[in-house]
Amino acid sequence: MRLRDHAEKAGFSNYVLGACLGLAGVLIVEALLRTGLRPLTPIAWPVLGALAGAALGGAAGFAGGSLILVAYYLVNLLQPQRFPEFYAHPYNTVSWLAGLAGIAILILALRGRRNAAEALRVSEMRLRTITDHLPALVSYIDAQERYRFSNRTYEDWLRMPRDALLGRTVRELWGEERYAAFKPNIERALRGERVSYEYALVQEGVERRVMATYVPHVEAGGVRGFFVLASDITQLAAARNELHAQHQRLEAALDGSSLSLWDTDLRTGRVYLSEAWSEIVGGARSERVSTVQELVSLLHPDDVEPLRRVSLEVMKGSRASYALEHRVRTAAGDWRWILSRGRVTERDPASGRALRMIGTNLDITDRRRMEEALQSVAQSDPLTGLANRLLFQDRLRQALARARRAGSSIALLYLDLDRFKEVNDSLGHTGGDILLKDFASRLRAGVRATDTVARFGGDEFVILLEDVKDRGHAIRVAEKIVAEARQPLLVEGRELTATASIGVAFGDGNAVEEELLRSADAALYEAKNAGRDGYRVAAG
């Protein structure tokens, strides 16, 4: 709207200017008449005013001047005696008006060309001003590979006046060696391809890294040339190289370790994993890109929910980070233990939604195996592999808790081998160990998988029976063990028969661990005092 208003005001001003110039011509004619001079025509000076209006104000100026001219012509037409020779024949009017129209058309045409040339000159000046202030090389190269336009940055880079550059070919300006490097991309641009590439430029011992882009100038179905935009990216390239060097140093520090870095884009679900991850799950050491869904499919089913829960807590901001041990399936189908750590590193400023998480995965399989081995040693008997006293007490505590919840009963069988010391003395410790391991195997075979068999030391063993429906079940187990113990065993070429004595005690969820063990132990001594090779049930 402002541009249109401005144009309308400019047109009106030119119109008024033309009218004023035409009126000036009228005043000159009237002045000549008053001095006694009689011009041959009333429109000569007004015509000059209209033409001046056309020259200065264009079509609007000519229209303003012509309006005054026509009005003055009509006024004098009503008084032809003022200019009798002019009005004597219509030819005079027609010839003057035809001349006026021809000259006006010529003036307006010349003025239009002048305005177009001026507009072009202003446009070029503005373009050059803009490009001269750009910190990049800007130029135009024609199909003959000659420079037709260049900005001031070329002068700064090449230490060469602009006039000396224009008209020269790329080969002449840069030399054979540099032209050979440019040529493949120049040819691509002249075939109509948009080209971007990076190269090094060494000047006076100083190297620049340059990013160049060639944009083809396509016109009338052919390529007339191409535009060039080349930027100095030396600092950017240095920062990129430093970042790459830091990445390499980090990879070198992690090389040979089982620590894998991961970076998750929570918007897309894509996960970047460093080289060590491939070794953990199986495969050649290399970086890889995966998805959250793919990684979840590798988790052990029991570990999916815990990991999902802590990850959501971190993403919601209720905790700063997490560290969780879980299992992943390898390409070979086995399970490896992973210590996974993670934290949110980017959130949406408006909503606070987590956008990015970064963390590490550490292979702790060997550590877990060692821990399990140590735990096994700490909770099992090294000779027989049965539970030791510590593990048995823990199992008994848990069994009593389950019995309280379910309202069920348990039974303890406290037993040892009869006259084991005599056997051990006659056969030696090796023979005694063989006997103990054989007896332990028979005990395991005589109970359910949910029951616990433990060795307290020497020839003392304890069996925990859970969920005992009736006491007859425990009695049958005791009778079976006594019968199994009587079966002969071949030790170092000698046939050996060992018997066992058993004390049985029953309890419910309210029983006390120590009292239950003491009751079973007391029943064992009753069985021994009764002649061994049998069992006794504790009172109550």
Protein backbone atom coordinates (compact mmCIF):
# COMPACT_ATOMS: atom_id res chain seq x y z
CA MET A 1 0.00 0.00 0.00
CA ARG A 2 2.81 2.45 0.83
CA LEU A 3 4.53 1.79 -2.50
CA ARG A 4 1.30 2.32 -4.39
CA ASP A 5 0.60 5.58 -2.53
CA HIS A 6 4.12 6.76 -3.25
CA ALA A 7 3.70 5.96 -6.97
CA GLU A 8 0.38 7.80 -7.09
CA LYS A 9 1.91 10.88 -5.46
CA ALA A 10 4.85 10.79 -7.87
CA GLY A 11 2.47 10.53 -10.87
CA PHE A 12 0.39 13.45 -9.67
CA SER A 13 3.50 15.58 -9.13
CA ASN A 14 4.69 14.85 -12.68
CA TYR A 15 1.23 15.68 -14.00
CA VAL A 16 1.28 19.04 -12.24
CA LEU A 17 4.83 19.66 -13.49
CA GLY A 18 3.73 19.07 -17.12
CA ALA A 19 0.72 21.31 -16.66
CA CYS A 20 2.92 24.07 -15.24
CA LEU A 21 5.35 23.81 -18.15
CA GLY A 22 2.44 23.93 -20.61
CA LEU A 23 1.01 26.97 -18.80
CA ALA A 24 4.43 28.62 -18.99
CA GLY A 25 4.27 28.22 -22.78
CA VAL A 26 0.83 29.86 -22.79
CA LEU A 27 2.11 32.79 -20.73
CA ILE A 28 5.00 33.29 -23.16
CA VAL A 29 2.55 33.47 -26.10
CA GLU A 30 0.32 35.94 -24.28
CA ALA A 31 3.36 38.04 -23.36
CA LEU A 32 4.45 38.18 -27.00
CA LEU A 33 0.95 39.30 -28.05
CA ARG A 34 0.95 42.09 -25.47
CA THR A 35 4.27 43.42 -26.72
CA GLY A 36 2.88 43.69 -30.26
CA LEU A 37 4.61 40.64 -31.60
CA ARG A 38 2.25 38.26 -33.29
CA PRO A 39 3.36 34.60 -33.25
CA LEU A 40 2.19 32.55 -36.22
CA THR A 41 0.73 29.81 -34.01
CA PRO A 42 -0.76 29.79 -30.52
CA ILE A 43 0.57 26.30 -29.69
CA ALA A 44 4.30 26.47 -30.44
CA TRP A 45 5.36 27.45 -26.92
CA PRO A 46 2.74 25.26 -25.18
CA VAL A 47 3.99 22.37 -27.34
CA LEU A 48 7.49 22.97 -26.04
CA GLY A 49 6.06 22.96 -22.49
CA ALA A 50 4.30 19.61 -23.08
CA LEU A 51 7.49 18.13 -24.55
CA ALA A 52 9.47 19.40 -21.58
CA GLY A 53 6.86 17.78 -19.32
CA ALA A 54 7.34 14.50 -21.19
CA ALA A 55 11.11 14.73 -20.82
CA LEU A 56 11.02 15.55 -17.09
CA GLY A 57 7.84 13.82 -15.91
CA GLY A 58 7.26 11.05 -18.39
CA ALA A 59 3.78 10.21 -19.60
CA ALA A 60 2.14 12.00 -16.65
CA GLY A 61 4.13 15.17 -17.37
CA PHE A 62 3.22 15.00 -21.06
CA ALA A 63 -0.47 14.51 -20.18
CA GLY A 64 -0.41 17.58 -17.90
CA GLY A 65 1.26 19.72 -20.55
CA SER A 66 -1.07 18.38 -23.29
CA LEU A 67 -4.12 19.28 -21.22
CA ILE A 68 -3.04 22.92 -21.06
CA LEU A 69 -2.12 22.80 -24.77
CA VAL A 70 -5.56 21.51 -25.85
CA ALA A 71 -7.38 23.99 -23.61
CA TYR A 72 -5.41 26.94 -25.00
CA TYR A 73 -5.96 25.67 -28.56
CA LEU A 74 -9.74 25.52 -28.02
CA VAL A 75 -9.84 28.96 -26.43
CA ASN A 76 -8.09 30.45 -29.47
CA LEU A 77 -10.27 28.39 -31.84
CA LEU A 78 -13.21 30.47 -30.56
CA GLN A 79 -11.22 33.61 -31.42
CA PRO A 80 -9.50 32.70 -34.74
CA GLN A 81 -8.77 36.39 -35.51
CA ARG A 82 -5.98 36.27 -32.95
CA PHE A 83 -4.07 33.77 -35.17
CA PRO A 84 -5.78 33.98 -38.60
CA GLU A 85 -2.96 32.37 -40.56
CA PHE A 86 -2.82 29.31 -38.25
CA TYR A 87 -6.59 28.69 -38.19
CA ALA A 88 -6.95 29.40 -41.89
CA HIS A 89 -6.25 25.80 -42.84
CA PRO A 90 -6.72 22.52 -40.80
CA TYR A 91 -3.39 21.27 -42.13
CA ASN A 92 -1.58 23.55 -39.70
CA THR A 93 -3.27 21.97 -36.68
CA VAL A 94 -2.79 18.42 -37.91
CA SER A 95 0.88 18.92 -38.76
CA TRP A 96 1.67 20.52 -35.39
CA LEU A 97 -0.17 17.81 -33.44
CA ALA A 98 1.48 15.04 -35.48
CA GLY A 99 4.88 16.57 -34.85
CA LEU A 100 4.06 16.91 -31.18
CA ALA A 101 3.00 13.24 -30.93
CA GLY A 102 6.10 11.99 -32.78
CA ILE A 103 8.54 14.00 -30.74
CA ALA A 104 6.71 13.06 -27.50
CA ILE A 105 6.89 9.36 -28.37
CA LEU A 106 10.60 9.70 -29.10
CA ILE A 107 11.22 11.53 -25.82
CA LEU A 108 9.24 9.00 -23.78
CA ALA A 109 11.06 6.07 -25.44
CA LEU A 110 14.47 7.61 -24.77
CA ARG A 111 13.43 8.44 -21.23
CA GLY A 112 12.27 4.82 -20.66
CA ARG A 113 15.59 3.44 -21.87
CA ARG A 114 17.45 5.90 -19.71
CA ASN A 115 15.36 4.91 -16.69
CA ALA A 116 15.91 1.21 -17.40
CA ALA A 117 19.63 1.75 -17.73
CA GLU A 118 19.66 3.75 -14.53
CA ALA A 119 17.66 1.07 -12.72
CA LEU A 120 20.06 -1.58 -14.00
CA ARG A 121 23.02 0.50 -12.89
CA VAL A 122 21.50 0.98 -9.43
CA SER A 123 20.70 -2.74 -9.18
CA GLU A 124 24.24 -3.70 -10.14
CA MET A 125 25.63 -1.20 -7.67
CA ARG A 126 23.50 -2.64 -4.90
CA LEU A 127 24.48 -6.19 -5.84
CA ARG A 128 28.15 -5.28 -5.86
CA THR A 129 27.81 -3.49 -2.51
CA ILE A 130 26.22 -6.57 -0.98
CA THR A 131 28.70 -9.05 -2.45
CA ASP A 132 31.69 -6.83 -1.64
CA HIS A 133 30.77 -7.00 2.04
CA LEU A 134 30.41 -10.79 2.09
CA PRO A 135 33.37 -12.62 3.69
CA ALA A 136 33.12 -15.30 0.97
CA LEU A 137 34.32 -15.47 -2.62
CA VAL A 138 31.44 -14.66 -4.99
CA SER A 139 31.89 -14.80 -8.76
CA TYR A 140 30.31 -15.74 -12.06
CA ILE A 141 32.19 -17.86 -14.63
CA ASP A 142 30.84 -18.23 -18.14
CA ALA A 143 30.74 -21.32 -20.33
CA GLN A 144 34.26 -20.52 -21.62
CA GLU A 145 35.46 -20.65 -17.99
CA ARG A 146 36.14 -16.90 -17.90
CA TYR A 147 35.42 -14.70 -14.88
CA ARG A 148 32.66 -12.19 -15.65
CA PHE A 149 31.97 -11.02 -12.10
CA SER A 150 33.85 -11.12 -8.83
CA ASN A 151 33.50 -9.46 -5.44
CA ARG A 152 36.10 -7.61 -3.40
CA THR A 153 37.04 -10.73 -1.41
CA TYR A 154 38.83 -11.99 -4.52
CA GLU A 155 41.02 -8.90 -4.37
CA ASP A 156 41.76 -9.52 -0.69
CA TRP A 157 42.55 -13.22 -1.16
CA LEU A 158 44.49 -13.01 -4.43
CA ARG A 159 46.07 -9.56 -3.92
CA MET A 160 44.84 -8.70 -7.43
CA PRO A 161 42.78 -5.73 -8.71
CA ARG A 162 39.32 -6.71 -9.86
CA ASP A 163 39.90 -5.37 -13.37
CA ALA A 164 42.90 -7.66 -13.74
CA LEU A 165 40.77 -10.68 -12.81
CA LEU A 166 37.73 -10.15 -15.04
CA GLY A 167 38.02 -11.75 -18.46
CA ARG A 168 40.69 -14.22 -17.37
CA THR A 169 40.07 -17.96 -17.45
CA VAL A 170 40.18 -20.17 -14.37
CA ARG A 171 43.33 -21.81 -15.73
CA GLU A 172 45.06 -18.42 -16.22
CA LEU A 173 44.13 -17.20 -12.76
CA TRP A 174 44.95 -20.28 -10.66
CA GLY A 175 47.64 -22.05 -12.68
CA GLU A 176 47.82 -25.58 -14.09
CA GLU A 177 48.11 -27.50 -10.81
CA ARG A 178 45.18 -25.82 -9.11
CA TYR A 179 43.11 -25.86 -12.30
CA ALA A 180 43.60 -29.63 -12.57
CA ALA A 181 42.00 -29.96 -9.11
CA PHE A 182 39.13 -27.61 -10.04
CA LYS A 183 38.45 -29.03 -13.50
CA PRO A 184 36.31 -32.13 -12.65
CA ASN A 185 33.90 -30.02 -10.60
CA ILE A 186 33.83 -27.22 -13.19
CA GLU A 187 32.87 -29.76 -15.83
CA ARG A 188 30.08 -31.08 -13.61
CA ALA A 189 28.74 -27.54 -13.08
CA LEU A 190 28.80 -26.84 -16.83
CA ARG A 191 26.79 -30.05 -17.33
CA GLY A 192 24.10 -28.55 -15.09
CA GLU A 193 25.00 -30.19 -11.74
CA ARG A 194 25.08 -28.32 -8.46
CA VAL A 195 28.48 -29.09 -6.89
CA SER A 196 29.79 -28.65 -3.33
CA TYR A 197 33.25 -29.74 -2.26
CA GLU A 198 36.07 -28.85 0.12
CA TYR A 199 39.68 -28.13 -0.76
CA ALA A 200 42.89 -26.67 0.70
CA LEU A 201 44.31 -23.38 -0.56
CA VAL A 202 47.90 -22.47 0.37
CA GLN A 203 48.93 -18.82 -0.01
CA GLU A 204 52.20 -17.39 1.23
CA GLY A 205 52.73 -20.46 3.38
CA VAL A 206 49.32 -20.18 5.05
CA GLU A 207 46.74 -22.90 4.40
CA ARG A 208 43.03 -22.17 4.17
CA ARG A 209 40.29 -24.79 4.12
CA VAL A 210 37.67 -23.70 1.60
CA MET A 211 34.13 -24.96 1.00
CA ALA A 212 33.07 -24.18 -2.59
CA THR A 213 29.64 -24.42 -4.18
CA TYR A 214 28.99 -24.15 -7.94
CA VAL A 215 25.42 -23.28 -9.03
CA PRO A 216 24.76 -23.67 -12.80
CA HIS A 217 23.22 -20.74 -14.70
CA VAL A 218 20.69 -22.44 -16.97
CA GLU A 219 18.97 -20.33 -19.60
CA ALA A 220 17.13 -21.17 -22.84
CA GLY A 221 17.78 -24.87 -22.36
CA GLY A 222 21.55 -24.52 -22.00
CA VAL A 223 24.14 -23.79 -19.33
CA ARG A 224 25.51 -20.26 -19.78
CA GLY A 225 27.96 -20.51 -16.89
CA PHE A 226 27.86 -20.98 -13.15
CA PHE A 227 27.91 -18.95 -9.95
CA VAL A 228 30.64 -19.58 -7.37
CA LEU A 229 30.35 -19.23 -3.59
CA ALA A 230 33.51 -20.17 -1.68
CA SER A 231 33.78 -19.76 2.11
CA ASP A 232 36.80 -19.91 4.39
CA ILE A 233 36.09 -22.77 6.82
CA THR A 234 39.59 -23.00 8.27
CA GLN A 235 38.42 -22.49 11.86
CA LEU A 236 35.46 -24.81 11.38
CA ALA A 237 37.74 -27.49 9.91
CA ALA A 238 40.17 -27.05 12.82
CA ALA A 239 37.33 -27.48 15.32
CA ARG A 240 36.08 -30.53 13.42
CA ASN A 241 39.58 -32.05 13.38
CA GLU A 242 39.99 -31.39 17.10
CA LEU A 243 36.63 -33.03 17.78
CA HIS A 244 37.71 -36.01 15.68
CA ALA A 245 41.03 -36.16 17.55
CA GLN A 246 39.19 -36.11 20.89
CA HIS A 247 36.95 -38.89 19.64
CA GLN A 248 40.00 -40.89 18.61
CA ARG A 249 41.64 -40.33 22.00
CA LEU A 250 38.47 -41.46 23.73
CA GLU A 251 38.24 -44.54 21.54
CA ALA A 252 41.92 -45.28 22.22
CA ALA A 253 41.28 -44.98 25.96
CA LEU A 254 38.33 -47.35 25.65
CA ASP A 255 40.06 -49.69 23.22
CA GLY A 256 40.40 -53.16 24.65
CA SER A 257 37.92 -52.44 27.43
CA SER A 258 34.39 -53.76 27.69
CA LEU A 259 32.93 -50.27 28.22
CA SER A 260 30.55 -49.19 25.47
CA LEU A 261 29.22 -45.65 25.04
CA TRP A 262 25.62 -45.14 23.90
CA ASP A 263 23.72 -42.05 22.78
CA THR A 264 19.92 -42.17 22.33
CA ASP A 265 17.83 -39.68 20.34
CA LEU A 266 14.51 -39.99 22.17
CA ARG A 267 12.67 -38.20 19.35
CA THR A 268 13.50 -40.85 16.77
CA GLY A 269 14.40 -43.85 18.96
CA ARG A 270 17.79 -44.19 17.22
CA VAL A 271 20.73 -45.27 19.38
CA TYR A 272 24.43 -44.81 18.58
CA LEU A 273 26.67 -47.49 20.15
CA SER A 274 30.47 -47.39 20.26
CA GLU A 275 32.72 -50.20 19.10
CA ALA A 276 32.80 -52.22 22.34
CA TRP A 277 29.08 -53.00 22.08
CA SER A 278 29.67 -55.23 19.05
CA GLU A 279 32.15 -57.30 21.06
CA ILE A 280 29.71 -57.63 23.95
CA VAL A 281 26.84 -58.99 21.88
CA GLY A 282 29.06 -60.75 19.33
CA GLY A 283 30.64 -59.54 16.12
CA ALA A 284 33.56 -57.55 14.78
CA ARG A 285 34.50 -54.46 16.77
CA SER A 286 32.79 -51.51 15.06
CA GLU A 287 30.45 -48.62 15.73
CA ARG A 288 26.79 -49.26 15.02
CA VAL A 289 23.40 -47.55 15.01
CA SER A 290 20.43 -49.40 16.46
CA THR A 291 16.95 -48.61 17.80
CA VAL A 292 15.46 -48.71 21.27
CA GLN A 293 13.08 -51.50 20.18
CA GLU A 294 15.92 -53.63 18.84
CA LEU A 295 17.93 -53.27 22.07
CA VAL A 296 14.89 -54.07 24.23
CA SER A 297 14.48 -57.32 22.28
CA LEU A 298 17.96 -58.36 23.49
CA LEU A 299 17.06 -57.94 27.18
CA HIS A 300 16.35 -60.88 29.45
CA PRO A 301 12.56 -60.99 30.00
CA ASP A 302 13.02 -60.59 33.78
CA ASP A 303 15.08 -57.41 33.29
CA VAL A 304 12.83 -55.50 30.84
CA GLU A 305 10.47 -53.98 33.40
CA PRO A 306 13.12 -52.85 35.94
CA LEU A 307 15.16 -51.14 33.22
CA ARG A 308 12.07 -49.52 31.69
CA ARG A 309 10.99 -48.22 35.11
CA VAL A 310 14.31 -46.57 36.05
CA SER A 311 14.68 -45.12 32.53
CA LEU A 312 11.25 -43.47 32.79
CA GLU A 313 12.15 -42.05 36.21
CA VAL A 314 15.28 -40.44 34.73
CA MET A 315 13.39 -39.09 31.69
CA LYS A 316 10.67 -37.62 33.95
CA GLY A 317 13.35 -36.00 36.13
CA SER A 318 12.46 -37.78 39.37
CA ARG A 319 16.06 -39.04 39.50
CA ALA A 320 19.22 -37.57 37.96
CA SER A 321 20.67 -40.82 36.60
CA TYR A 322 20.46 -44.57 36.91
CA ALA A 323 22.80 -47.55 37.25
CA LEU A 324 21.30 -51.00 36.78
CA GLU A 325 22.63 -54.51 36.16
CA HIS A 326 20.79 -56.58 33.57
CA ARG A 327 21.31 -59.34 31.03
CA VAL A 328 21.47 -59.20 27.22
CA ARG A 329 21.38 -62.07 24.75
CA THR A 330 24.42 -62.40 22.46
CA ALA A 331 24.48 -63.53 18.86
CA ALA A 332 25.56 -66.98 20.13
CA GLY A 333 22.41 -67.21 22.27
CA ASP A 334 24.02 -66.97 25.73
CA TRP A 335 23.44 -64.26 28.32
CA ARG A 336 25.92 -61.61 29.39
CA TRP A 337 25.59 -59.33 32.39
CA ILE A 338 25.69 -55.56 31.71
CA LEU A 339 26.04 -52.62 34.11
CA SER A 340 24.09 -49.87 32.34
CA ARG A 341 24.34 -46.22 33.40
CA GLY A 342 22.42 -43.32 31.85
CA ARG A 343 21.35 -39.70 32.25
CA VAL A 344 19.35 -37.12 30.28
CA THR A 345 21.57 -34.54 28.53
CA GLU A 346 18.97 -32.55 26.56
CA ARG A 347 15.40 -31.46 27.25
CA ASP A 348 12.81 -29.38 25.39
CA PRO A 349 13.05 -25.86 26.92
CA ALA A 350 9.29 -25.35 26.67
CA SER A 351 7.90 -28.68 27.91
CA GLY A 352 10.89 -30.17 29.76
CA ARG A 353 10.47 -33.37 27.74
CA ALA A 354 13.63 -35.48 27.56
CA LEU A 355 15.14 -35.39 24.06
CA ARG A 356 18.49 -37.13 24.50
CA MET A 357 20.07 -39.66 26.87
CA ILE A 358 23.73 -40.66 27.05
CA GLY A 359 25.36 -43.41 29.07
CA THR A 360 27.62 -46.45 29.17
CA ASN A 361 27.28 -50.23 29.11
CA LEU A 362 29.92 -52.23 30.96
CA ASP A 363 30.29 -55.99 30.52
CA ILE A 364 30.37 -57.40 34.08
CA THR A 365 29.81 -61.05 33.19
CA ASP A 366 33.17 -62.18 34.61
CA ARG A 367 32.58 -60.23 37.81
CA ARG A 368 29.12 -61.75 38.23
CA ARG A 369 30.51 -65.22 37.70
CA MET A 370 33.18 -64.58 40.29
CA GLU A 371 30.59 -63.24 42.72
CA GLU A 372 28.38 -66.27 42.14
CA ALA A 373 31.37 -68.57 42.64
CA LEU A 374 32.31 -66.82 45.87
CA GLN A 375 28.70 -66.91 47.02
CA SER A 376 28.55 -70.60 46.19
CA VAL A 377 31.70 -71.24 48.21
CA ALA A 378 30.35 -69.21 51.09
CA GLN A 379 27.01 -71.03 51.11
CA SER A 380 27.88 -74.61 50.11
CA ASP A 381 29.85 -77.46 51.55
CA PRO A 382 33.08 -77.83 49.53
CA LEU A 383 33.17 -81.65 49.81
CA THR A 384 29.60 -82.63 48.99
CA GLY A 385 28.25 -79.50 47.28
CA LEU A 386 25.31 -79.44 49.69
CA ALA A 387 24.14 -76.28 51.45
CA ASN A 388 26.25 -75.34 54.46
CA ARG A 389 24.95 -74.22 57.84
CA LEU A 390 24.76 -70.54 56.81
CA LEU A 391 22.64 -71.20 53.72
CA PHE A 392 20.49 -73.74 55.57
CA GLN A 393 19.62 -71.21 58.27
CA ASP A 394 18.60 -68.70 55.61
CA ARG A 395 16.45 -71.33 53.86
CA LEU A 396 14.87 -72.32 57.18
CA ARG A 397 14.04 -68.68 57.95
CA GLN A 398 12.35 -68.26 54.56
CA ALA A 399 10.49 -71.57 54.91
CA LEU A 400 9.04 -70.53 58.27
CA ALA A 401 7.89 -67.21 56.76
CA ARG A 402 6.17 -69.04 53.89
CA ALA A 403 4.58 -71.45 56.37
CA ARG A 404 3.15 -68.53 58.35
CA ARG A 405 1.58 -67.02 55.23
CA ALA A 406 0.21 -70.33 53.92
CA GLY A 407 -0.70 -71.90 57.31
CA SER A 408 1.37 -74.99 56.43
CA SER A 409 3.94 -77.10 58.30
CA ILE A 410 7.60 -78.03 57.86
CA ALA A 411 9.77 -80.91 59.06
CA LEU A 412 13.47 -81.15 59.98
CA LEU A 413 15.44 -84.41 59.69
CA TYR A 414 18.69 -84.26 61.69
CA LEU A 415 20.91 -87.28 60.88
CA ASP A 416 24.43 -88.67 60.91
CA LEU A 417 26.26 -91.86 59.93
CA ASP A 418 26.62 -94.51 62.60
CA ARG A 419 30.21 -95.22 63.75
CA PHE A 420 31.63 -92.93 61.03
CA LYS A 421 34.80 -92.36 63.07
CA GLU A 422 35.64 -96.06 62.98
CA VAL A 423 35.11 -96.14 59.19
CA ASN A 424 37.22 -93.01 58.73
CA ASP A 425 40.04 -94.43 60.87
CA SER A 426 40.11 -97.74 59.00
CA LEU A 427 39.90 -96.32 55.48
CA GLY A 428 41.63 -92.96 56.00
CA HIS A 429 40.31 -89.53 55.14
CA THR A 430 40.08 -90.33 51.44
CA GLY A 431 37.82 -93.29 52.05
CA GLY A 432 35.77 -91.28 54.53
CA ASP A 433 35.29 -88.47 52.00
CA ILE A 434 34.10 -90.98 49.40
CA LEU A 435 31.56 -92.32 51.89
CA LEU A 436 30.31 -88.81 52.77
CA LYS A 437 29.91 -87.80 49.11
CA ASP A 438 28.03 -91.02 48.34
CA PHE A 439 25.74 -90.50 51.34
CA ALA A 440 25.08 -86.90 50.24
CA SER A 441 24.06 -88.12 46.77
CA ARG A 442 21.62 -90.60 48.30
CA LEU A 443 20.08 -87.83 50.44
CA ARG A 444 19.57 -85.56 47.43
CA ALA A 445 17.93 -88.38 45.53
CA GLY A 446 15.54 -89.10 48.36
CA VAL A 447 13.86 -85.66 48.61
CA ARG A 448 12.01 -83.20 46.38
CA ALA A 449 13.76 -80.45 44.42
CA THR A 450 12.07 -77.85 46.63
CA ASP A 451 13.52 -79.39 49.81
CA THR A 452 16.94 -78.44 51.19
CA VAL A 453 19.73 -80.88 52.12
CA ALA A 454 22.66 -79.46 54.13
CA ARG A 455 25.87 -80.72 55.73
CA PHE A 456 26.67 -79.11 59.07
CA GLY A 457 30.10 -80.68 59.32
CA GLY A 458 31.70 -84.13 59.82
CA ASP A 459 28.99 -86.72 59.30
CA GLU A 460 26.09 -84.46 60.44
CA PHE A 461 23.38 -83.69 57.84
CA VAL A 462 20.04 -81.85 58.03
CA ILE A 463 17.08 -82.03 55.67
CA LEU A 464 14.36 -79.35 55.46
CA LEU A 465 11.01 -80.53 54.12
CA GLU A 466 8.56 -77.74 53.21
CA ASP A 467 4.77 -77.79 52.84
CA VAL A 468 4.34 -81.05 54.77
CA LYS A 469 0.70 -82.08 54.34
CA ASP A 470 0.90 -84.79 57.00
CA ARG A 471 3.57 -86.21 59.27
CA GLY A 472 3.50 -89.49 57.45
CA HIS A 473 5.31 -87.90 54.51
CA ALA A 474 8.32 -86.95 56.66
CA ILE A 475 8.31 -90.41 58.31
CA ARG A 476 8.40 -92.09 54.90
CA VAL A 477 11.36 -89.92 53.87
CA ALA A 478 13.22 -90.90 57.07
CA GLU A 479 12.51 -94.60 56.51
CA LYS A 480 13.68 -94.34 52.90
CA ILE A 481 16.98 -92.71 53.96
CA VAL A 482 17.62 -95.37 56.61
CA ALA A 483 17.01 -98.09 54.03
CA GLU A 484 19.24 -96.41 51.41
CA ALA A 485 22.08 -96.02 53.91
CA ARG A 486 22.18 -99.82 54.40
CA GLN A 487 23.07 -100.41 50.78
CA PRO A 488 26.74 -101.51 50.51
CA LEU A 489 29.38 -99.23 48.95
CA LEU A 490 32.64 -100.33 47.29
CA VAL A 491 35.54 -98.18 48.64
CA GLU A 492 39.16 -98.92 47.57
CA GLY A 493 38.28 -102.51 46.76
CA ARG A 494 36.44 -103.10 50.03
CA GLU A 495 32.68 -103.45 50.39
CA LEU A 496 31.41 -101.13 53.09
CA THR A 497 27.98 -100.84 54.70
CA ALA A 498 27.10 -97.73 56.71
CA THR A 499 23.89 -97.05 58.59
CA ALA A 500 22.25 -93.79 59.61
CA SER A 501 20.34 -92.45 62.60
CA ILE A 502 17.72 -89.73 62.16
CA GLY A 503 15.87 -87.31 64.44
CA VAL A 504 12.61 -85.85 63.09
CA ALA A 505 10.96 -82.61 64.34
CA PHE A 506 7.83 -80.85 63.07
CA GLY A 507 6.89 -77.17 63.25
CA ASP A 508 4.52 -74.56 61.83
CA GLY A 509 5.04 -70.92 60.93
CA ASN A 510 5.27 -69.91 64.58
CA ALA A 511 8.17 -72.24 65.36
CA VAL A 512 11.54 -70.83 66.45
CA GLU A 513 14.51 -71.88 64.32
CA GLU A 514 16.88 -72.77 67.15
CA GLU A 515 14.23 -74.67 69.10
CA LEU A 516 13.27 -76.66 66.02
CA LEU A 517 16.90 -77.64 65.40
CA ARG A 518 17.40 -78.58 69.05
CA SER A 519 14.29 -80.76 68.99
CA ALA A 520 15.50 -82.63 65.89
CA ASP A 521 18.99 -83.01 67.40
CA ALA A 522 17.52 -84.42 70.64
CA ALA A 523 15.44 -86.93 68.64
CA LEU A 524 18.64 -87.97 66.80
CA TYR A 525 20.33 -88.87 70.07
CA GLU A 526 17.28 -90.85 71.10
CA ALA A 527 17.62 -92.86 67.87
CA LYS A 528 21.32 -93.49 68.60
CA ASN A 529 20.60 -94.53 72.18
CA ALA A 530 17.93 -96.88 70.86
CA GLY A 531 20.58 -98.83 68.90
CA ARG A 532 21.16 -96.67 65.83
CA ASP A 533 20.09 -97.54 62.22
CA GLY A 534 16.69 -95.94 62.70
CA TYR A 535 14.80 -92.76 63.47
CA ARG A 536 12.91 -91.08 66.28
CA VAL A 537 10.29 -88.29 66.21
CA ALA A 538 10.58 -85.38 68.64
CA ALA A 539 7.76 -85.00 71.09
CA GLY A 540 5.08 -82.42 70.31
